[in-house]
Amino acid sequence: MLNKLVLQAEVVQIEPLRYTPAGIPLLSVVLRHVSEQVEAGMKRKVECEVNAITLGDLTLTGLKLGSHILATGFLAKRSLKSTQLVMHINHIEHISH
């Protein structure tokens, strides 16, 4: 089954680095996306903020507030009991803006 999200966005919030119970570094960020999309033949301005996390070596990629990135990953629930979705980033490409 396919679960893939690719998002061009600006990093607008970075939480302090923390570690999973297994000792893996985890970084929580908020990404802001703004674009114009075509839906049903009409142009539509799209703005959204997406909660995202990086794990392991990706936490060391130098994400800074205001960084513009192309993030690739997948969506998962924040926790077993939550219905809120979080993007799990598994590839980051820094882009100039």
PDB file of N, CA and C in Angstrom:
ATOM      1  N   MET A   1       0.840  -1.182   0.000  1.00  0.00           N
ATOM      2  CA  MET A   1       0.000   0.000   0.000  1.00  0.00           C
ATOM      3  C   MET A   1       0.878   1.234   0.000  1.00  0.00           C
ATOM      4  N   LEU A   2       0.416   2.244  -0.683  1.00  0.00           N
ATOM      5  CA  LEU A   2       1.198   3.463  -0.836  1.00  0.00           C
ATOM      6  C   LEU A   2       0.802   4.495   0.214  1.00  0.00           C
ATOM      7  N   ASN A   3       1.777   5.052   0.880  1.00  0.00           N
ATOM      8  CA  ASN A   3       1.599   6.136   1.841  1.00  0.00           C
ATOM      9  C   ASN A   3       2.826   7.010   1.693  1.00  0.00           C
ATOM     10  N   LYS A   4       2.756   7.993   0.793  1.00  0.00           N
ATOM     11  CA  LYS A   4       3.910   8.850   0.516  1.00  0.00           C
ATOM     12  C   LYS A   4       3.436  10.294   0.434  1.00  0.00           C
ATOM     13  N   LEU A   5       4.180  11.169   1.107  1.00  0.00           N
ATOM     14  CA  LEU A   5       3.873  12.590   1.092  1.00  0.00           C
ATOM     15  C   LEU A   5       5.136  13.347   0.710  1.00  0.00           C
ATOM     16  N   VAL A   6       5.019  14.220  -0.282  1.00  0.00           N
ATOM     17  CA  VAL A   6       6.122  15.089  -0.684  1.00  0.00           C
ATOM     18  C   VAL A   6       5.615  16.511  -0.513  1.00  0.00           C
ATOM     19  N   LEU A   7       6.343  17.317   0.258  1.00  0.00           N
ATOM     20  CA  LEU A   7       5.870  18.652   0.593  1.00  0.00           C
ATOM     21  C   LEU A   7       7.012  19.653   0.520  1.00  0.00           C
ATOM     22  N   GLN A   8       6.812  20.712  -0.244  1.00  0.00           N
ATOM     23  CA  GLN A   8       7.754  21.824  -0.251  1.00  0.00           C
ATOM     24  C   GLN A   8       7.251  22.804   0.783  1.00  0.00           C
ATOM     25  N   ALA A   9       8.123  23.142   1.753  1.00  0.00           N
ATOM     26  CA  ALA A   9       7.637  23.922   2.882  1.00  0.00           C
ATOM     27  C   ALA A   9       8.758  24.694   3.552  1.00  0.00           C
ATOM     28  N   GLU A  10       8.346  25.592   4.437  1.00  0.00           N
ATOM     29  CA  GLU A  10       9.270  26.356   5.282  1.00  0.00           C
ATOM     30  C   GLU A  10       9.180  25.812   6.705  1.00  0.00           C
ATOM     31  N   VAL A  11      10.319  25.664   7.351  1.00  0.00           N
ATOM     32  CA  VAL A  11      10.351  25.233   8.738  1.00  0.00           C
ATOM     33  C   VAL A  11       9.987  26.442   9.604  1.00  0.00           C
ATOM     34  N   VAL A  12       8.857  26.362  10.320  1.00  0.00           N
ATOM     35  CA  VAL A  12       8.393  27.502  11.114  1.00  0.00           C
ATOM     36  C   VAL A  12       8.468  27.258  12.613  1.00  0.00           C
ATOM     37  N   GLN A  13       8.731  26.020  13.019  1.00  0.00           N
ATOM     38  CA  GLN A  13       8.883  25.728  14.447  1.00  0.00           C
ATOM     39  C   GLN A  13       9.752  24.490  14.592  1.00  0.00           C
ATOM     40  N   ILE A  14      10.651  24.525  15.575  1.00  0.00           N
ATOM     41  CA  ILE A  14      11.507  23.380  15.881  1.00  0.00           C
ATOM     42  C   ILE A  14      11.481  23.168  17.390  1.00  0.00           C
ATOM     43  N   GLU A  15      11.115  21.975  17.798  1.00  0.00           N
ATOM     44  CA  GLU A  15      11.107  21.621  19.217  1.00  0.00           C
ATOM     45  C   GLU A  15      12.517  21.199  19.633  1.00  0.00           C
ATOM     46  N   PRO A  16      12.822  21.238  20.915  1.00  0.00           N
ATOM     47  CA  PRO A  16      14.128  20.748  21.373  1.00  0.00           C
ATOM     48  C   PRO A  16      14.312  19.267  21.010  1.00  0.00           C
ATOM     49  N   LEU A  17      15.526  18.903  20.662  1.00  0.00           N
ATOM     50  CA  LEU A  17      15.856  17.516  20.329  1.00  0.00           C
ATOM     51  C   LEU A  17      15.566  16.621  21.525  1.00  0.00           C
ATOM     52  N   ARG A  18      14.935  15.490  21.282  1.00  0.00           N
ATOM     53  CA  ARG A  18      14.711  14.519  22.344  1.00  0.00           C
ATOM     54  C   ARG A  18      15.062  13.133  21.814  1.00  0.00           C
ATOM     55  N   TYR A  19      14.935  12.135  22.675  1.00  0.00           N
ATOM     56  CA  TYR A  19      15.330  10.782  22.303  1.00  0.00           C
ATOM     57  C   TYR A  19      14.201   9.806  22.581  1.00  0.00           C
ATOM     58  N   THR A  20      14.052   8.817  21.707  1.00  0.00           N
ATOM     59  CA  THR A  20      13.055   7.766  21.914  1.00  0.00           C
ATOM     60  C   THR A  20      13.527   6.876  23.060  1.00  0.00           C
ATOM     61  N   PRO A  21      12.650   6.022  23.604  1.00  0.00           N
ATOM     62  CA  PRO A  21      13.094   5.088  24.645  1.00  0.00           C
ATOM     63  C   PRO A  21      14.258   4.201  24.193  1.00  0.00           C
ATOM     64  N   ALA A  22      14.386   3.986  22.878  1.00  0.00           N
ATOM     65  CA  ALA A  22      15.489   3.178  22.345  1.00  0.00           C
ATOM     66  C   ALA A  22      16.766   3.995  22.144  1.00  0.00           C
ATOM     67  N   GLY A  23      16.709   5.302  22.505  1.00  0.00           N
ATOM     68  CA  GLY A  23      17.895   6.152  22.386  1.00  0.00           C
ATOM     69  C   GLY A  23      18.102   6.779  21.028  1.00  0.00           C
ATOM     70  N   ILE A  24      17.089   6.746  20.161  1.00  0.00           N
ATOM     71  CA  ILE A  24      17.194   7.323  18.814  1.00  0.00           C
ATOM     72  C   ILE A  24      16.807   8.794  18.887  1.00  0.00           C
ATOM     73  N   PRO A  25      17.654   9.696  18.318  1.00  0.00           N
ATOM     74  CA  PRO A  25      17.297  11.117  18.328  1.00  0.00           C
ATOM     75  C   PRO A  25      16.020  11.379  17.522  1.00  0.00           C
ATOM     76  N   LEU A  26      15.173  12.265  18.055  1.00  0.00           N
ATOM     77  CA  LEU A  26      13.895  12.602  17.425  1.00  0.00           C
ATOM     78  C   LEU A  26      13.734  14.116  17.455  1.00  0.00           C
ATOM     79  N   LEU A  27      13.411  14.691  16.302  1.00  0.00           N
ATOM     80  CA  LEU A  27      13.212  16.126  16.209  1.00  0.00           C
ATOM     81  C   LEU A  27      11.814  16.392  15.667  1.00  0.00           C
ATOM     82  N   SER A  28      11.013  17.152  16.419  1.00  0.00           N
ATOM     83  CA  SER A  28       9.669  17.540  15.986  1.00  0.00           C
ATOM     84  C   SER A  28       9.731  18.943  15.394  1.00  0.00           C
ATOM     85  N   VAL A  29       9.093  19.124  14.234  1.00  0.00           N
ATOM     86  CA  VAL A  29       9.075  20.416  13.561  1.00  0.00           C
ATOM     87  C   VAL A  29       7.663  20.690  13.052  1.00  0.00           C
ATOM     88  N   VAL A  30       7.427  21.954  12.726  1.00  0.00           N
ATOM     89  CA  VAL A  30       6.190  22.341  12.049  1.00  0.00           C
ATOM     90  C   VAL A  30       6.595  22.945  10.713  1.00  0.00           C
ATOM     91  N   LEU A  31       5.969  22.447   9.642  1.00  0.00           N
ATOM     92  CA  LEU A  31       6.250  22.913   8.288  1.00  0.00           C
ATOM     93  C   LEU A  31       5.066  23.723   7.781  1.00  0.00           C
ATOM     94  N   ARG A  32       5.355  24.868   7.142  1.00  0.00           N
ATOM     95  CA  ARG A  32       4.297  25.699   6.537  1.00  0.00           C
ATOM     96  C   ARG A  32       4.410  25.604   5.018  1.00  0.00           C
ATOM     97  N   HIS A  33       3.303  25.250   4.403  1.00  0.00           N
ATOM     98  CA  HIS A  33       3.242  25.134   2.944  1.00  0.00           C
ATOM     99  C   HIS A  33       2.269  26.176   2.405  1.00  0.00           C
ATOM    100  N   VAL A  34       2.676  26.886   1.344  1.00  0.00           N
ATOM    101  CA  VAL A  34       1.810  27.846   0.663  1.00  0.00           C
ATOM    102  C   VAL A  34       1.985  27.622  -0.831  1.00  0.00           C
ATOM    103  N   SER A  35       0.881  27.422  -1.534  1.00  0.00           N
ATOM    104  CA  SER A  35       0.962  27.243  -2.989  1.00  0.00           C
ATOM    105  C   SER A  35      -0.378  27.563  -3.625  1.00  0.00           C
ATOM    106  N   GLU A  36      -0.408  27.470  -4.946  1.00  0.00           N
ATOM    107  CA  GLU A  36      -1.646  27.588  -5.693  1.00  0.00           C
ATOM    108  C   GLU A  36      -1.846  26.276  -6.429  1.00  0.00           C
ATOM    109  N   GLN A  37      -2.989  25.652  -6.217  1.00  0.00           N
ATOM    110  CA  GLN A  37      -3.299  24.366  -6.826  1.00  0.00           C
ATOM    111  C   GLN A  37      -4.533  24.510  -7.705  1.00  0.00           C
ATOM    112  N   VAL A  38      -4.689  23.593  -8.642  1.00  0.00           N
ATOM    113  CA  VAL A  38      -5.882  23.570  -9.479  1.00  0.00           C
ATOM    114  C   VAL A  38      -6.769  22.431  -8.998  1.00  0.00           C
ATOM    115  N   GLU A  39      -8.010  22.790  -8.695  1.00  0.00           N
ATOM    116  CA  GLU A  39      -8.990  21.815  -8.220  1.00  0.00           C
ATOM    117  C   GLU A  39     -10.284  22.040  -8.984  1.00  0.00           C
ATOM    118  N   ALA A  40     -10.774  21.004  -9.618  1.00  0.00           N
ATOM    119  CA  ALA A  40     -12.001  21.082 -10.421  1.00  0.00           C
ATOM    120  C   ALA A  40     -11.915  22.215 -11.442  1.00  0.00           C
ATOM    121  N   GLY A  41     -10.729  22.384 -12.018  1.00  0.00           N
ATOM    122  CA  GLY A  41     -10.537  23.390 -13.051  1.00  0.00           C
ATOM    123  C   GLY A  41     -10.378  24.809 -12.543  1.00  0.00           C
ATOM    124  N   MET A  42     -10.380  24.993 -11.242  1.00  0.00           N
ATOM    125  CA  MET A  42     -10.276  26.330 -10.657  1.00  0.00           C
ATOM    126  C   MET A  42      -8.987  26.437  -9.852  1.00  0.00           C
ATOM    127  N   LYS A  43      -8.359  27.625  -9.882  1.00  0.00           N
ATOM    128  CA  LYS A  43      -7.178  27.860  -9.071  1.00  0.00           C
ATOM    129  C   LYS A  43      -7.599  28.080  -7.624  1.00  0.00           C
ATOM    130  N   ARG A  44      -6.819  27.490  -6.730  1.00  0.00           N
ATOM    131  CA  ARG A  44      -7.124  27.608  -5.312  1.00  0.00           C
ATOM    132  C   ARG A  44      -5.835  27.849  -4.550  1.00  0.00           C
ATOM    133  N   LYS A  45      -5.829  28.875  -3.671  1.00  0.00           N
ATOM    134  CA  LYS A  45      -4.673  29.128  -2.824  1.00  0.00           C
ATOM    135  C   LYS A  45      -4.720  28.153  -1.654  1.00  0.00           C
ATOM    136  N   VAL A  46      -3.598  27.485  -1.428  1.00  0.00           N
ATOM    137  CA  VAL A  46      -3.522  26.483  -0.365  1.00  0.00           C
ATOM    138  C   VAL A  46      -2.480  26.930   0.651  1.00  0.00           C
ATOM    139  N   GLU A  47      -2.866  26.940   1.918  1.00  0.00           N
ATOM    140  CA  GLU A  47      -1.944  27.228   3.013  1.00  0.00           C
ATOM    141  C   GLU A  47      -2.223  26.216   4.111  1.00  0.00           C
ATOM    142  N   CYS A  48      -1.163  25.612   4.629  1.00  0.00           N
ATOM    143  CA  CYS A  48      -1.360  24.674   5.734  1.00  0.00           C
ATOM    144  C   CYS A  48      -0.074  24.557   6.537  1.00  0.00           C
ATOM    145  N   GLU A  49      -0.239  24.114   7.776  1.00  0.00           N
ATOM    146  CA  GLU A  49       0.901  23.786   8.629  1.00  0.00           C
ATOM    147  C   GLU A  49       0.803  22.307   8.952  1.00  0.00           C
ATOM    148  N   VAL A  50       1.940  21.626   8.851  1.00  0.00           N
ATOM    149  CA  VAL A  50       1.992  20.186   9.042  1.00  0.00           C
ATOM    150  C   VAL A  50       2.982  19.869  10.156  1.00  0.00           C
ATOM    151  N   ASN A  51       2.526  19.119  11.155  1.00  0.00           N
ATOM    152  CA  ASN A  51       3.438  18.621  12.182  1.00  0.00           C
ATOM    153  C   ASN A  51       4.248  17.487  11.572  1.00  0.00           C
ATOM    154  N   ALA A  52       5.556  17.493  11.818  1.00  0.00           N
ATOM    155  CA  ALA A  52       6.422  16.472  11.242  1.00  0.00           C
ATOM    156  C   ALA A  52       7.512  16.095  12.230  1.00  0.00           C
ATOM    157  N   ILE A  53       8.087  14.898  12.027  1.00  0.00           N
ATOM    158  CA  ILE A  53       9.217  14.460  12.846  1.00  0.00           C
ATOM    159  C   ILE A  53      10.304  13.878  11.951  1.00  0.00           C
ATOM    160  N   THR A  54      11.532  13.973  12.445  1.00  0.00           N
ATOM    161  CA  THR A  54      12.654  13.270  11.831  1.00  0.00           C
ATOM    162  C   THR A  54      13.275  12.401  12.915  1.00  0.00           C
ATOM    163  N   LEU A  55      13.797  11.271  12.516  1.00  0.00           N
ATOM    164  CA  LEU A  55      14.416  10.329  13.446  1.00  0.00           C
ATOM    165  C   LEU A  55      15.838  10.005  12.988  1.00  0.00           C
ATOM    166  N   GLY A  56      16.694   9.670  13.940  1.00  0.00           N
ATOM    167  CA  GLY A  56      18.034   9.200  13.608  1.00  0.00           C
ATOM    168  C   GLY A  56      18.898  10.273  12.967  1.00  0.00           C
ATOM    169  N   ASP A  57      19.641   9.879  11.929  1.00  0.00           N
ATOM    170  CA  ASP A  57      20.584  10.781  11.273  1.00  0.00           C
ATOM    171  C   ASP A  57      19.924  12.017  10.677  1.00  0.00           C
ATOM    172  N   LEU A  58      18.642  11.925  10.305  1.00  0.00           N
ATOM    173  CA  LEU A  58      17.966  13.088   9.723  1.00  0.00           C
ATOM    174  C   LEU A  58      17.843  14.245  10.706  1.00  0.00           C
ATOM    175  N   THR A  59      17.957  13.971  12.002  1.00  0.00           N
ATOM    176  CA  THR A  59      17.883  15.054  12.985  1.00  0.00           C
ATOM    177  C   THR A  59      19.120  15.947  12.902  1.00  0.00           C
ATOM    178  N   LEU A  60      20.150  15.488  12.202  1.00  0.00           N
ATOM    179  CA  LEU A  60      21.416  16.218  12.107  1.00  0.00           C
ATOM    180  C   LEU A  60      21.576  16.948  10.780  1.00  0.00           C
ATOM    181  N   THR A  61      20.486  17.129  10.013  1.00  0.00           N
ATOM    182  CA  THR A  61      20.595  17.719   8.676  1.00  0.00           C
ATOM    183  C   THR A  61      20.613  19.244   8.682  1.00  0.00           C
ATOM    184  N   GLY A  62      20.693  19.834   9.841  1.00  0.00           N
ATOM    185  CA  GLY A  62      20.825  21.291   9.902  1.00  0.00           C
ATOM    186  C   GLY A  62      19.540  22.058   9.658  1.00  0.00           C
ATOM    187  N   LEU A  63      18.412  21.513  10.071  1.00  0.00           N
ATOM    188  CA  LEU A  63      17.157  22.253   9.932  1.00  0.00           C
ATOM    189  C   LEU A  63      17.197  23.483  10.826  1.00  0.00           C
ATOM    190  N   LYS A  64      16.846  24.619  10.255  1.00  0.00           N
ATOM    191  CA  LYS A  64      16.805  25.877  10.993  1.00  0.00           C
ATOM    192  C   LYS A  64      15.474  26.556  10.718  1.00  0.00           C
ATOM    193  N   LEU A  65      15.053  27.393  11.648  1.00  0.00           N
ATOM    194  CA  LEU A  65      13.844  28.188  11.409  1.00  0.00           C
ATOM    195  C   LEU A  65      14.028  28.976  10.126  1.00  0.00           C
ATOM    196  N   GLY A  66      13.024  28.970   9.281  1.00  0.00           N
ATOM    197  CA  GLY A  66      13.090  29.694   8.022  1.00  0.00           C
ATOM    198  C   GLY A  66      13.683  28.898   6.874  1.00  0.00           C
ATOM    199  N   SER A  67      14.220  27.705   7.161  1.00  0.00           N
ATOM    200  CA  SER A  67      14.751  26.847   6.090  1.00  0.00           C
ATOM    201  C   SER A  67      13.626  26.449   5.148  1.00  0.00           C
ATOM    202  N   HIS A  68      13.924  26.441   3.864  1.00  0.00           N
ATOM    203  CA  HIS A  68      12.969  25.955   2.866  1.00  0.00           C
ATOM    204  C   HIS A  68      13.441  24.577   2.424  1.00  0.00           C
ATOM    205  N   ILE A  69      12.537  23.610   2.533  1.00  0.00           N
ATOM    206  CA  ILE A  69      12.924  22.229   2.255  1.00  0.00           C
ATOM    207  C   ILE A  69      11.901  21.534   1.363  1.00  0.00           C
ATOM    208  N   LEU A  70      12.343  20.468   0.742  1.00  0.00           N
ATOM    209  CA  LEU A  70      11.469  19.521   0.080  1.00  0.00           C
ATOM    210  C   LEU A  70      11.541  18.269   0.947  1.00  0.00           C
ATOM    211  N   ALA A  71      10.452  17.972   1.633  1.00  0.00           N
ATOM    212  CA  ALA A  71      10.412  16.855   2.576  1.00  0.00           C
ATOM    213  C   ALA A  71       9.624  15.712   1.959  1.00  0.00           C
ATOM    214  N   THR A  72      10.182  14.510   2.061  1.00  0.00           N
ATOM    215  CA  THR A  72       9.509  13.308   1.587  1.00  0.00           C
ATOM    216  C   THR A  72       9.354  12.368   2.769  1.00  0.00           C
ATOM    217  N   GLY A  73       8.192  11.774   2.882  1.00  0.00           N
ATOM    218  CA  GLY A  73       7.963  10.862   3.989  1.00  0.00           C
ATOM    219  C   GLY A  73       6.603  10.210   3.896  1.00  0.00           C
ATOM    220  N   PHE A  74       6.033   9.899   5.062  1.00  0.00           N
ATOM    221  CA  PHE A  74       4.735   9.230   5.116  1.00  0.00           C
ATOM    222  C   PHE A  74       3.944   9.778   6.296  1.00  0.00           C
ATOM    223  N   LEU A  75       2.645   9.503   6.301  1.00  0.00           N
ATOM    224  CA  LEU A  75       1.762   9.953   7.369  1.00  0.00           C
ATOM    225  C   LEU A  75       1.472   8.804   8.335  1.00  0.00           C
ATOM    226  N   ALA A  76       1.428   9.132   9.617  1.00  0.00           N
ATOM    227  CA  ALA A  76       1.069   8.163  10.651  1.00  0.00           C
ATOM    228  C   ALA A  76       0.379   8.899  11.788  1.00  0.00           C
ATOM    229  N   LYS A  77      -0.368   8.166  12.598  1.00  0.00           N
ATOM    230  CA  LYS A  77      -0.995   8.765  13.778  1.00  0.00           C
ATOM    231  C   LYS A  77       0.087   9.173  14.762  1.00  0.00           C
ATOM    232  N   ARG A  78      -0.169  10.261  15.484  1.00  0.00           N
ATOM    233  CA  ARG A  78       0.782  10.754  16.482  1.00  0.00           C
ATOM    234  C   ARG A  78       1.083   9.686  17.529  1.00  0.00           C
ATOM    235  N   SER A  79       0.070   8.936  17.916  1.00  0.00           N
ATOM    236  CA  SER A  79       0.246   7.850  18.890  1.00  0.00           C
ATOM    237  C   SER A  79      -0.863   6.833  18.652  1.00  0.00           C
ATOM    238  N   LEU A  80      -0.801   5.723  19.361  1.00  0.00           N
ATOM    239  CA  LEU A  80      -1.804   4.669  19.174  1.00  0.00           C
ATOM    240  C   LEU A  80      -3.226   5.158  19.436  1.00  0.00           C
ATOM    241  N   LYS A  81      -3.396   6.063  20.409  1.00  0.00           N
ATOM    242  CA  LYS A  81      -4.735   6.513  20.787  1.00  0.00           C
ATOM    243  C   LYS A  81      -5.147   7.824  20.118  1.00  0.00           C
ATOM    244  N   SER A  82      -4.258   8.413  19.312  1.00  0.00           N
ATOM    245  CA  SER A  82      -4.527   9.706  18.694  1.00  0.00           C
ATOM    246  C   SER A  82      -5.068   9.536  17.277  1.00  0.00           C
ATOM    247  N   THR A  83      -5.882  10.491  16.841  1.00  0.00           N
ATOM    248  CA  THR A  83      -6.316  10.509  15.442  1.00  0.00           C
ATOM    249  C   THR A  83      -5.560  11.577  14.656  1.00  0.00           C
ATOM    250  N   GLN A  84      -4.741  12.369  15.334  1.00  0.00           N
ATOM    251  CA  GLN A  84      -3.973  13.425  14.675  1.00  0.00           C
ATOM    252  C   GLN A  84      -2.844  12.809  13.853  1.00  0.00           C
ATOM    253  N   LEU A  85      -2.698  13.293  12.604  1.00  0.00           N
ATOM    254  CA  LEU A  85      -1.659  12.793  11.721  1.00  0.00           C
ATOM    255  C   LEU A  85      -0.380  13.599  11.851  1.00  0.00           C
ATOM    256  N   VAL A  86       0.750  12.920  11.698  1.00  0.00           N
ATOM    257  CA  VAL A  86       2.067  13.534  11.730  1.00  0.00           C
ATOM    258  C   VAL A  86       2.844  13.015  10.522  1.00  0.00           C
ATOM    259  N   MET A  87       3.572  13.902   9.863  1.00  0.00           N
ATOM    260  CA  MET A  87       4.433  13.483   8.761  1.00  0.00           C
ATOM    261  C   MET A  87       5.738  12.955   9.339  1.00  0.00           C
ATOM    262  N   HIS A  88       6.106  11.750   8.962  1.00  0.00           N
ATOM    263  CA  HIS A  88       7.405  11.177   9.324  1.00  0.00           C
ATOM    264  C   HIS A  88       8.322  11.394   8.125  1.00  0.00           C
ATOM    265  N   ILE A  89       9.288  12.279   8.275  1.00  0.00           N
ATOM    266  CA  ILE A  89      10.174  12.630   7.165  1.00  0.00           C
ATOM    267  C   ILE A  89      11.308  11.615   7.071  1.00  0.00           C
ATOM    268  N   ASN A  90      11.507  11.059   5.869  1.00  0.00           N
ATOM    269  CA  ASN A  90      12.647  10.159   5.682  1.00  0.00           C
ATOM    270  C   ASN A  90      13.630  10.650   4.632  1.00  0.00           C
ATOM    271  N   HIS A  91      13.373  11.834   4.044  1.00  0.00           N
ATOM    272  CA  HIS A  91      14.332  12.463   3.137  1.00  0.00           C
ATOM    273  C   HIS A  91      14.105  13.969   3.144  1.00  0.00           C
ATOM    274  N   ILE A  92      15.187  14.725   3.256  1.00  0.00           N
ATOM    275  CA  ILE A  92      15.105  16.187   3.256  1.00  0.00           C
ATOM    276  C   ILE A  92      16.064  16.730   2.208  1.00  0.00           C
ATOM    277  N   GLU A  93      15.537  17.620   1.383  1.00  0.00           N
ATOM    278  CA  GLU A  93      16.369  18.334   0.411  1.00  0.00           C
ATOM    279  C   GLU A  93      16.230  19.818   0.713  1.00  0.00           C
ATOM    280  N   HIS A  94      17.357  20.475   1.003  1.00  0.00           N
ATOM    281  CA  HIS A  94      17.319  21.914   1.253  1.00  0.00           C
ATOM    282  C   HIS A  94      17.233  22.619  -0.093  1.00  0.00           C
ATOM    283  N   ILE A  95      16.327  23.602  -0.177  1.00  0.00           N
ATOM    284  CA  ILE A  95      16.163  24.340  -1.422  1.00  0.00           C
ATOM    285  C   ILE A  95      16.341  25.830  -1.149  1.00  0.00           C
ATOM    286  N   SER A  96      16.848  26.527  -2.135  1.00  0.00           N
ATOM    287  CA  SER A  96      16.985  27.982  -1.978  1.00  0.00           C
ATOM    288  C   SER A  96      15.662  28.619  -2.325  1.00  0.00           C
ATOM    289  N   HIS A  97      15.377  29.721  -1.683  1.00  0.00           N
ATOM    290  CA  HIS A  97      14.079  30.373  -1.882  1.00  0.00           C
ATOM    291  C   HIS A  97      14.275  31.768  -2.377  1.00  0.00           C
TER     292      HIS A  97
END
